[in-house]
Amino acid sequence: FEEVLDYRIARLGSLHPKTLEVRVELAKGEYFKGRYAEAEEAFDEIKSEAAKAYGEDHELVQEATGMLGEIYWVTGRRANAAKLVEVVFRTRERTMGPYHLKTLQTLDGIAWAS
């Protein structure tokens, strides 16, 4: 993924959605390796940069926010996790509709975060 990221930054720029998608995958890799601090930092950066470039409702912002919720959950910050997942659910419900797959998957996340 590192080579793909370098290529996309060079060709598309660091804020292009396809570049940010690669960064999301790299951050997920850190998460799945149990490197929660590194993953949290990466998702914070992705969320901030995507929000500035595309607005708070953009799906990359929601994905990063949802992953931050997962990180908060596994690191014992359950109240914060539940708040983030709720924000993602409300945003997806408003922007994608109540029956969109991602909205329903987020609703499932609320169940485990509660």
Protein backbone atom coordinates (compact mmCIF):
# COMPACT_ATOMS: atom_id res chain seq x y z
CA PHE A 1 0.00 0.00 0.00
CA GLU A 2 2.89 2.37 0.64
CA GLU A 3 3.86 2.37 -3.05
CA VAL A 4 0.23 2.94 -4.05
CA LEU A 5 0.02 5.85 -1.60
CA ASP A 6 3.19 7.43 -2.99
CA TYR A 7 1.88 7.01 -6.54
CA ARG A 8 -1.51 8.53 -5.75
CA ILE A 9 0.00 11.47 -3.89
CA ALA A 10 2.27 12.16 -6.87
CA ARG A 11 -0.49 11.78 -9.48
CA LEU A 12 -3.65 12.87 -7.68
CA GLY A 13 -2.52 14.90 -4.68
CA SER A 14 -2.71 14.17 -0.98
CA LEU A 15 -6.38 15.16 -0.56
CA HIS A 16 -7.85 13.27 -3.50
CA PRO A 17 -10.47 10.75 -2.29
CA LYS A 18 -8.56 7.83 -3.85
CA THR A 19 -5.42 8.89 -1.97
CA LEU A 20 -7.34 9.22 1.27
CA GLU A 21 -8.86 5.76 0.71
CA VAL A 22 -5.36 4.26 0.66
CA ARG A 23 -4.54 6.10 3.87
CA VAL A 24 -7.69 4.63 5.43
CA GLU A 25 -6.54 1.13 4.46
CA LEU A 26 -3.08 1.74 5.90
CA ALA A 27 -4.63 3.03 9.14
CA LYS A 28 -6.87 -0.03 9.29
CA GLY A 29 -3.73 -2.13 9.00
CA GLU A 30 -2.34 -0.44 12.10
CA TYR A 31 -5.64 -1.06 13.89
CA PHE A 32 -5.71 -4.75 13.01
CA LYS A 33 -2.11 -5.12 14.19
CA GLY A 34 -3.16 -3.72 17.56
CA ARG A 35 -1.25 -0.50 17.06
CA TYR A 36 -4.13 1.58 18.36
CA ALA A 37 -2.22 4.79 19.07
CA GLU A 38 -0.83 4.87 15.53
CA ALA A 39 -4.21 4.03 14.04
CA GLU A 40 -5.93 6.69 16.12
CA GLU A 41 -3.45 9.33 15.01
CA ALA A 42 -3.85 8.34 11.37
CA PHE A 43 -7.67 8.35 11.51
CA ASP A 44 -7.66 11.72 13.30
CA GLU A 45 -5.55 13.17 10.48
CA ILE A 46 -7.68 11.59 7.75
CA LYS A 47 -10.87 12.82 9.38
CA SER A 48 -9.55 16.35 9.74
CA GLU A 49 -8.13 16.58 6.22
CA ALA A 50 -11.17 15.00 4.55
CA ALA A 51 -13.53 17.29 6.48
CA LYS A 52 -11.60 20.38 5.39
CA ALA A 53 -11.51 19.23 1.78
CA TYR A 54 -14.98 17.73 1.37
CA GLY A 55 -17.10 18.68 4.39
CA GLU A 56 -18.17 16.89 7.55
CA ASP A 57 -20.77 14.74 5.77
CA HIS A 58 -18.32 13.13 3.33
CA GLU A 59 -18.13 9.34 3.59
CA LEU A 60 -14.36 9.38 4.22
CA VAL A 61 -15.00 11.56 7.29
CA GLN A 62 -17.68 9.16 8.45
CA GLU A 63 -15.48 6.11 7.91
CA ALA A 64 -12.60 7.68 9.83
CA THR A 65 -14.97 8.72 12.62
CA GLY A 66 -16.39 5.21 12.81
CA MET A 67 -12.93 3.71 13.05
CA LEU A 68 -12.05 6.16 15.80
CA GLY A 69 -15.13 4.88 17.61
CA GLU A 70 -13.86 1.32 17.28
CA ILE A 71 -10.44 2.35 18.59
CA TYR A 72 -12.03 4.15 21.52
CA TRP A 73 -14.08 1.04 22.27
CA VAL A 74 -11.16 -1.40 22.30
CA THR A 75 -9.04 1.00 24.36
CA GLY A 76 -11.69 1.35 27.05
CA ARG A 77 -13.15 4.74 26.13
CA ARG A 78 -16.62 3.34 25.67
CA ALA A 79 -18.64 6.50 26.32
CA ASN A 80 -16.62 8.36 23.68
CA ALA A 81 -16.98 5.41 21.29
CA ALA A 82 -20.76 5.42 21.62
CA LYS A 83 -20.91 9.17 20.93
CA LEU A 84 -18.84 8.86 17.76
CA VAL A 85 -20.81 5.92 16.41
CA GLU A 86 -24.04 7.82 17.09
CA VAL A 87 -22.72 10.81 15.10
CA VAL A 88 -21.83 8.55 12.18
CA PHE A 89 -25.25 6.89 12.30
CA ARG A 90 -27.13 10.21 12.34
CA THR A 91 -25.03 11.57 9.47
CA ARG A 92 -25.45 8.46 7.34
CA GLU A 93 -29.15 8.28 8.11
CA ARG A 94 -29.52 11.90 6.93
CA THR A 95 -27.24 11.68 3.89
CA MET A 96 -27.75 8.09 2.70
CA GLY A 97 -31.16 7.26 4.09
CA PRO A 98 -32.30 4.97 6.89
CA TYR A 99 -32.15 1.76 4.84
CA HIS A 100 -28.76 2.18 3.20
CA LEU A 101 -26.40 -0.68 4.01
CA LYS A 102 -23.81 1.59 5.63
CA THR A 103 -26.50 3.23 7.77
CA LEU A 104 -27.70 -0.17 8.93
CA GLN A 105 -24.14 -1.35 9.60
CA THR A 106 -23.60 1.73 11.74
CA LEU A 107 -26.81 0.96 13.63
CA ASP A 108 -25.26 -2.42 14.41
CA GLY A 109 -22.22 -0.53 15.72
CA ILE A 110 -24.44 1.41 18.07
CA ALA A 111 -25.70 -1.88 19.49
CA TRP A 112 -22.20 -3.07 20.41
CA ALA A 113 -21.16 0.38 21.65
CA SER A 114 -24.13 0.66 24.03
